[in-house]
């Protein structure tokens, strides 16, 4: 199938004028990408579909697949209660004892968006990186101070805390760290060589400015360079960096989980993450594991967006027309940002056959 540049250009045009952009689409196996700008605003290197960007909350879709994989191996049940693997002091108050792994992955646990105490600690660096000072040893004590006001499964409430906790529980259960577990179970089997949780060296070091890693985009917010994003206590919620090329490969695996190109151990997990679930209190949107889901005019759209202080990302797929969309830019969200909306509209148009 021949794909035109015009729909991709519309997404690129919605990014900041000086920002790096990588937009990639795949329709029935045909791949096309449009890239513009440099990895930084000094002309160090041009952005390509292999340039790594911070993807923020798109990380949650990787954590969801890691959860489904862990369940398929028999190490836990999606409906198992997390309280069984927590020390007594870390049990959330209220209805927290009833939280399951599936609740964490569908934002129906009732946990707050952020861990108690993170906002206060993060205020001094709120516009740079509010998560940096919230360390792994603070996570479980914060969980013990959290209050779950509604029975899990009865309210949809987006929670970085919940999915970040999920990543921690999966890693602890496997006796390793989140990045290593993700590499072994998901990234290496899918051959996602541009993807991982490793933090690149900061452009400014103790001895002054240094050249940025040419493989990684440098983030900007309101035109100001941001340091690399770190999220030490909640990597499962937002630590992944990836390229447009790898994200399309990741999305394609979700289109046909039983396909010959998908590694056998990940076939059942991929089927599980795209299984549609009803969300409490939601009419239009449903959920996979971590994925937002909408159905319209015979097309099913799975999508997720993400943002750090310096980058914005969108991924989406639609199985009926075998559509995948990945859009990345090295500019953080602002009130006027339309990048995510434009990428979603591209996914929608391709899924409905309105753009080719």
Protein backbone atom coordinates (compact mmCIF):
# COMPACT_ATOMS: atom_id res chain seq x y z
CA UNK A 1 0.00 0.00 0.00
CA UNK A 2 1.35 3.44 -0.93
CA UNK A 3 1.30 5.96 1.92
CA UNK A 4 1.48 9.68 1.33
CA UNK A 5 3.49 12.20 3.33
CA UNK A 6 0.68 14.74 3.76
CA UNK A 7 -1.06 13.11 6.78
CA UNK A 8 2.30 12.74 8.53
CA UNK A 9 3.22 16.35 7.74
CA UNK A 10 0.06 17.50 9.53
CA UNK A 11 1.26 15.84 12.72
CA UNK A 12 4.76 17.28 12.36
CA UNK A 13 3.29 20.75 11.77
CA UNK A 14 1.50 20.57 15.13
CA UNK A 15 4.82 20.34 16.99
CA UNK A 16 6.91 23.34 17.97
CA UNK A 17 8.62 24.87 14.91
CA UNK A 18 12.17 24.13 16.07
CA UNK A 19 11.44 20.75 17.64
CA UNK A 20 12.67 17.40 16.41
CA UNK A 21 9.83 15.19 15.19
CA UNK A 22 9.64 11.54 14.16
CA UNK A 23 6.28 10.30 12.86
CA UNK A 24 5.95 6.72 11.62
CA UNK A 25 2.97 4.76 10.34
CA UNK A 26 2.40 1.21 9.22
CA UNK A 27 -0.70 0.19 7.25
CA UNK A 28 -1.11 -3.45 6.17
CA UNK A 29 2.64 -3.84 6.50
CA UNK A 30 3.63 -0.75 4.48
CA UNK A 31 5.92 1.51 6.52
CA UNK A 32 6.47 5.23 6.13
CA UNK A 33 8.21 7.78 8.30
CA UNK A 34 8.66 11.53 8.33
CA UNK A 35 11.41 13.11 10.41
CA UNK A 36 12.52 16.70 10.80
CA UNK A 37 14.80 18.78 12.97
CA UNK A 38 17.86 17.91 15.02
CA UNK A 39 18.33 15.99 18.24
CA UNK A 40 19.06 19.35 19.84
CA UNK A 41 18.75 22.94 18.68
CA UNK A 42 22.45 23.32 17.93
CA UNK A 43 22.50 21.14 14.82
CA UNK A 44 24.40 18.30 16.51
CA UNK A 45 22.67 15.57 14.48
CA UNK A 46 19.46 15.12 12.51
CA UNK A 47 16.55 13.22 14.00
CA UNK A 48 15.68 9.90 12.32
CA UNK A 49 13.21 7.11 12.95
CA UNK A 50 15.95 5.47 15.08
CA UNK A 51 16.39 8.52 17.36
CA UNK A 52 15.43 7.73 20.95
CA UNK A 53 12.92 9.99 22.67
CA UNK A 54 11.54 9.95 26.20
CA UNK A 55 8.07 8.41 25.84
CA UNK A 56 6.73 9.14 29.33
CA UNK A 57 3.50 7.32 30.07
CA UNK A 58 3.69 5.23 26.91
CA UNK A 59 5.94 3.20 29.23
CA UNK A 60 2.74 1.91 30.84
CA UNK A 61 1.93 -0.17 27.75
CA UNK A 62 5.29 -1.94 28.18
CA UNK A 63 4.57 -2.52 31.87
CA UNK A 64 1.16 -3.96 30.97
CA UNK A 65 2.78 -6.48 28.61
CA UNK A 66 5.29 -7.35 31.31
CA UNK A 67 2.39 -8.00 33.70
CA UNK A 68 0.59 -10.22 31.19
CA UNK A 69 3.82 -12.11 30.54
CA UNK A 70 4.37 -12.66 34.27
CA UNK A 71 0.81 -13.95 34.60
CA UNK A 72 1.23 -16.28 31.62
CA UNK A 73 4.29 -17.77 33.31
CA UNK A 74 2.14 -18.60 36.35
CA UNK A 75 4.05 -16.31 38.72
CA UNK A 76 0.87 -14.40 39.61
CA UNK A 77 -2.80 -14.02 38.68
CA UNK A 78 -4.20 -10.83 37.16
CA UNK A 79 -6.97 -11.01 39.75
CA UNK A 80 -4.59 -11.78 42.58
CA UNK A 81 -4.43 -9.22 45.38
CA UNK A 82 -1.24 -7.21 45.69
CA UNK A 83 -1.65 -7.26 49.50
CA UNK A 84 -0.35 -10.83 49.45
CA UNK A 85 3.09 -9.53 48.42
CA UNK A 86 3.26 -6.42 50.54
CA UNK A 87 4.50 -5.97 54.10
CA UNK A 88 1.75 -5.03 56.52
CA UNK A 89 3.05 -1.48 56.94
CA UNK A 90 2.77 -0.87 53.18
CA UNK A 91 -0.90 -1.82 52.88
CA UNK A 92 -2.98 1.16 51.68
CA UNK A 93 -5.73 2.26 54.02
CA UNK A 94 -9.42 2.05 53.30
CA UNK A 95 -10.20 -0.43 50.53
CA UNK A 96 -6.55 -0.96 49.61
CA UNK A 97 -6.43 -4.63 50.61
CA UNK A 98 -8.73 -5.48 47.67
CA UNK A 99 -6.47 -4.05 44.93
CA UNK A 100 -5.46 -6.55 42.25
CA UNK A 101 -2.75 -6.42 39.61
CA UNK A 102 -5.41 -5.88 36.95
CA UNK A 103 -6.78 -2.91 38.89
CA UNK A 104 -3.32 -1.31 38.77
CA UNK A 105 -3.03 -1.85 35.01
CA UNK A 106 -6.50 -0.45 34.24
CA UNK A 107 -6.38 2.60 36.56
CA UNK A 108 -9.26 1.24 38.65
CA UNK A 109 -7.30 0.62 41.87
CA UNK A 110 -8.47 3.81 43.58
CA UNK A 111 -4.90 4.88 44.31
CA UNK A 112 -4.17 8.60 43.84
CA UNK A 113 -2.38 9.90 40.76
CA UNK A 114 0.86 10.47 42.68
CA UNK A 115 2.30 8.86 45.82
CA UNK A 116 1.71 10.82 49.04
CA UNK A 117 4.69 13.08 49.62
CA UNK A 118 5.94 13.18 46.05
CA UNK A 119 4.41 16.54 45.18
CA UNK A 120 5.92 18.24 48.23
CA UNK A 121 9.37 16.79 47.57
CA UNK A 122 9.12 17.55 43.86
CA UNK A 123 8.02 21.18 44.11
CA UNK A 124 11.55 22.66 43.94
CA UNK A 125 12.13 20.89 40.60
CA UNK A 126 8.52 20.81 39.38
CA UNK A 127 9.29 22.35 35.99
CA UNK A 128 12.40 20.22 35.46
CA UNK A 129 11.74 16.78 36.97
CA UNK A 130 9.45 16.42 40.02
CA UNK A 131 10.07 12.64 40.23
CA UNK A 132 13.86 12.84 40.58
CA UNK A 133 13.93 13.28 44.35
CA UNK A 134 11.35 10.56 45.08
CA UNK A 135 13.57 7.52 45.56
CA UNK A 136 12.72 3.79 45.52
CA UNK A 137 12.97 3.47 49.30
CA UNK A 138 10.15 6.02 49.63
CA UNK A 139 7.62 4.07 47.56
CA UNK A 140 6.32 1.46 50.00
CA UNK A 141 6.11 3.87 52.97
CA UNK A 142 4.11 6.22 50.72
CA UNK A 143 1.82 3.33 49.77
CA UNK A 144 1.14 2.71 53.45
CA UNK A 145 -0.03 6.32 53.81
CA UNK A 146 -2.33 6.19 50.77
CA UNK A 147 -6.08 6.01 51.28
CA UNK A 148 -8.34 4.14 48.84
CA UNK A 149 -11.77 5.70 49.30
CA UNK A 150 -13.75 3.48 46.89
CA UNK A 151 -13.74 -0.28 46.35
CA UNK A 152 -11.25 -1.13 43.57
CA UNK A 153 -12.96 -1.69 40.23
CA UNK A 154 -15.74 0.83 40.86
CA UNK A 155 -14.00 4.04 39.76
CA UNK A 156 -11.59 4.94 36.95
CA UNK A 157 -8.81 7.21 38.20
CA UNK A 158 -5.59 7.60 36.22
CA UNK A 159 -2.67 6.78 38.48
CA UNK A 160 1.05 7.03 37.82
CA UNK A 161 1.39 5.72 41.36
CA UNK A 162 -0.59 2.57 40.55
CA UNK A 163 1.28 1.56 37.38
CA UNK A 164 4.62 2.55 38.88
CA UNK A 165 3.83 0.33 41.86
CA UNK A 166 2.93 -2.45 39.44
CA UNK A 167 6.35 -2.22 37.80
CA UNK A 168 8.01 -2.39 41.22
CA UNK A 169 6.01 -5.45 42.26
CA UNK A 170 6.83 -7.27 39.02
CA UNK A 171 10.54 -6.52 39.34
CA UNK A 172 10.68 -7.47 43.03
CA UNK A 173 8.84 -10.70 42.28
CA UNK A 174 11.44 -11.59 39.66
CA UNK A 175 14.35 -10.60 41.90
CA UNK A 176 15.69 -7.93 39.58
CA UNK A 177 15.17 -4.30 38.58
CA UNK A 178 12.45 -3.03 36.23
CA UNK A 179 14.75 -2.19 33.30
CA UNK A 180 16.49 -5.56 33.34
CA UNK A 181 13.20 -7.47 33.58
CA UNK A 182 11.72 -5.47 30.71
CA UNK A 183 14.81 -6.12 28.60
CA UNK A 184 14.72 -9.87 29.19
CA UNK A 185 10.97 -10.47 28.86
CA UNK A 186 9.84 -7.91 26.24
CA UNK A 187 12.53 -5.84 24.53
CA UNK A 188 14.96 -8.57 23.52
CA UNK A 189 12.28 -11.04 22.36
CA UNK A 190 10.69 -8.35 20.17
CA UNK A 191 14.12 -7.13 19.00
CA UNK A 192 13.51 -3.58 20.21
CA UNK A 193 17.14 -2.51 20.11
CA UNK A 194 16.47 1.24 20.39
CA UNK A 195 14.32 0.85 23.50
CA UNK A 196 15.21 0.76 27.18
CA UNK A 197 15.35 2.62 30.46
CA UNK A 198 19.00 3.70 30.37
CA UNK A 199 19.43 7.42 31.02
CA UNK A 200 21.81 9.18 28.58
CA UNK A 201 24.50 11.47 29.91
CA UNK A 202 23.25 14.97 30.59
CA UNK A 203 24.39 17.53 27.99
CA UNK A 204 25.84 19.60 30.85
CA UNK A 205 28.34 17.73 33.00
CA UNK A 206 30.42 18.80 36.01
CA UNK A 207 33.16 20.01 33.67
CA UNK A 208 30.82 22.09 31.55
CA UNK A 209 28.83 21.45 28.35
CA UNK A 210 29.40 18.14 26.61
CA UNK A 211 28.17 16.79 23.30
CA UNK A 212 24.81 14.98 23.64
CA UNK A 213 24.44 11.35 22.63
CA UNK A 214 23.63 11.49 18.92
CA UNK A 215 21.21 8.56 19.35
CA UNK A 216 19.00 10.45 21.84
CA UNK A 217 16.86 13.56 21.48
CA UNK A 218 17.50 16.35 23.95
CA UNK A 219 14.27 17.55 25.56
CA UNK A 220 12.97 21.14 25.57
CA UNK A 221 10.10 22.89 27.31
CA UNK A 222 9.05 26.41 26.32
CA UNK A 223 12.28 26.57 24.32
CA UNK A 224 14.50 25.73 27.29
CA UNK A 225 16.61 22.61 27.32
CA UNK A 226 15.61 20.05 29.95
CA UNK A 227 17.93 17.48 31.57
CA UNK A 228 17.29 13.78 30.87
CA UNK A 229 14.10 12.52 32.53
CA UNK A 230 14.57 10.20 35.50
CA UNK A 231 11.85 8.52 37.55
CA UNK A 232 13.72 6.28 40.01
CA UNK A 233 10.83 5.06 42.18
CA UNK A 234 8.25 4.58 39.41
CA UNK A 235 10.10 3.44 36.26
CA UNK A 236 7.14 1.31 35.17
CA UNK A 237 5.09 4.50 34.81
CA UNK A 238 7.44 6.57 32.67
CA UNK A 239 11.12 5.56 32.32
CA UNK A 240 11.23 4.13 28.78
CA UNK A 241 13.03 5.77 25.87
CA UNK A 242 12.33 4.51 22.37
CA UNK A 243 12.41 5.31 18.66
CA UNK A 244 9.60 5.59 16.12
CA UNK A 245 11.03 2.50 14.39
CA UNK A 246 10.89 0.38 17.56
CA UNK A 247 7.46 1.64 18.59
CA UNK A 248 5.99 0.59 15.24
CA UNK A 249 7.56 -2.84 15.70
CA UNK A 250 6.06 -3.00 19.21
CA UNK A 251 2.63 -1.98 17.91
CA UNK A 252 2.70 -4.48 15.06
CA UNK A 253 3.07 -7.29 17.57
CA UNK A 254 -0.27 -6.22 19.07
CA UNK A 255 -2.07 -6.38 15.71
CA UNK A 256 -1.73 -10.14 15.38
CA UNK A 257 -0.54 -11.64 18.68
CA UNK A 258 -0.76 -15.15 17.30
CA UNK A 259 1.25 -14.37 14.18
CA UNK A 260 4.36 -16.24 13.15
CA UNK A 261 6.48 -13.11 13.64
CA UNK A 262 5.58 -12.88 17.34
CA UNK A 263 7.78 -14.85 19.75
CA UNK A 264 5.76 -17.75 21.14
CA UNK A 265 6.15 -16.78 24.85
CA UNK A 266 4.58 -13.36 24.14
CA UNK A 267 1.55 -14.54 22.14
CA UNK A 268 -0.78 -15.14 25.08
CA UNK A 269 0.42 -12.00 26.92
CA UNK A 270 -0.25 -9.86 23.84
CA UNK A 271 -3.74 -11.34 23.51
CA UNK A 272 -4.37 -10.44 27.13
CA UNK A 273 -3.26 -6.80 26.89
CA UNK A 274 -5.59 -6.13 23.93
CA UNK A 275 -8.58 -7.91 25.50
CA UNK A 276 -11.19 -5.20 25.93
CA UNK A 277 -12.54 -4.45 29.38
CA UNK A 278 -15.41 -2.21 30.42
CA UNK A 279 -14.40 0.76 32.56
CA UNK A 280 -16.59 1.84 35.48
CA UNK A 281 -18.30 5.16 34.84
CA UNK A 282 -17.09 5.40 31.22
CA UNK A 283 -19.38 5.27 28.20
CA UNK A 284 -17.16 5.84 25.18
CA UNK A 285 -13.80 4.60 26.41
CA UNK A 286 -12.91 1.06 27.35
CA UNK A 287 -9.58 -0.41 28.31
CA UNK A 288 -7.08 -3.10 27.54
CA UNK A 289 -4.26 -3.54 30.02
CA UNK A 290 -3.00 0.07 30.16
CA UNK A 291 -4.38 0.82 26.67
CA UNK A 292 -7.26 3.26 26.17
CA UNK A 293 -9.76 1.79 23.71
CA UNK A 294 -12.45 3.39 21.56
CA UNK A 295 -14.68 1.77 18.97
CA UNK A 296 -16.22 3.79 16.15
CA UNK A 297 -17.64 3.00 12.72
CA UNK A 298 -16.35 -0.55 12.77
CA UNK A 299 -12.82 0.37 13.86
CA UNK A 300 -11.20 -0.35 17.22
CA UNK A 301 -8.59 2.17 18.34
CA UNK A 302 -6.01 1.36 20.99
CA UNK A 303 -3.90 4.34 22.03
CA UNK A 304 -1.73 5.92 24.70
CA UNK A 305 0.11 9.21 25.00
CA UNK A 306 3.00 10.25 27.18
CA UNK A 307 4.94 13.33 28.19
CA UNK A 308 8.00 14.26 30.19
CA UNK A 309 9.18 17.80 30.81
CA UNK A 310 11.10 17.66 27.53
CA UNK A 311 9.32 15.21 25.18
CA UNK A 312 5.86 14.20 24.00
CA UNK A 313 4.81 10.84 22.55
CA UNK A 314 1.77 9.11 21.08
CA UNK A 315 1.23 5.52 19.99
CA UNK A 316 -1.87 3.85 18.60
CA UNK A 317 -3.09 0.91 16.57
CA UNK A 318 -6.24 -0.38 14.92
CA UNK A 319 -6.42 -4.10 14.08
CA UNK A 320 -9.17 -3.96 11.44
CA UNK A 321 -7.03 -2.10 8.86
CA UNK A 322 -3.71 -3.15 10.40
CA UNK A 323 -2.83 0.44 11.29
CA UNK A 324 -0.01 1.55 13.61
CA UNK A 325 0.99 5.14 14.42
CA UNK A 326 3.94 6.42 16.46
CA UNK A 327 4.64 10.14 16.90
CA UNK A 328 7.51 11.61 18.92
CA UNK A 329 8.83 15.12 19.52
CA UNK A 330 11.46 16.61 21.83
CA UNK A 331 9.21 19.30 23.22
CA UNK A 332 7.25 18.97 26.45
CA UNK A 333 3.52 19.60 26.68
CA UNK A 334 2.23 23.15 26.99
CA UNK A 335 -1.31 24.54 27.15
CA UNK A 336 -1.21 25.17 23.39
CA UNK A 337 0.17 21.77 22.41
CA UNK A 338 -1.82 19.93 19.74
CA UNK A 339 0.71 17.22 18.98
CA UNK A 340 -1.09 14.35 20.74
CA UNK A 341 -4.46 15.38 19.30
CA UNK A 342 -3.02 15.54 15.78
CA UNK A 343 -1.43 12.10 16.12
CA UNK A 344 -4.70 10.64 17.39
CA UNK A 345 -6.57 12.16 14.43
CA UNK A 346 -4.05 10.53 12.10
CA UNK A 347 -4.70 7.16 13.74
CA UNK A 348 -8.44 7.70 13.46
CA UNK A 349 -8.26 8.74 9.79
CA UNK A 350 -6.11 5.76 8.84
CA UNK A 351 -8.32 3.36 10.79
CA UNK A 352 -11.44 4.64 9.04
CA UNK A 353 -9.83 4.71 5.61
CA UNK A 354 -9.99 8.51 5.40
CA UNK A 355 -6.24 8.98 4.90
CA UNK A 356 -3.83 6.94 2.81
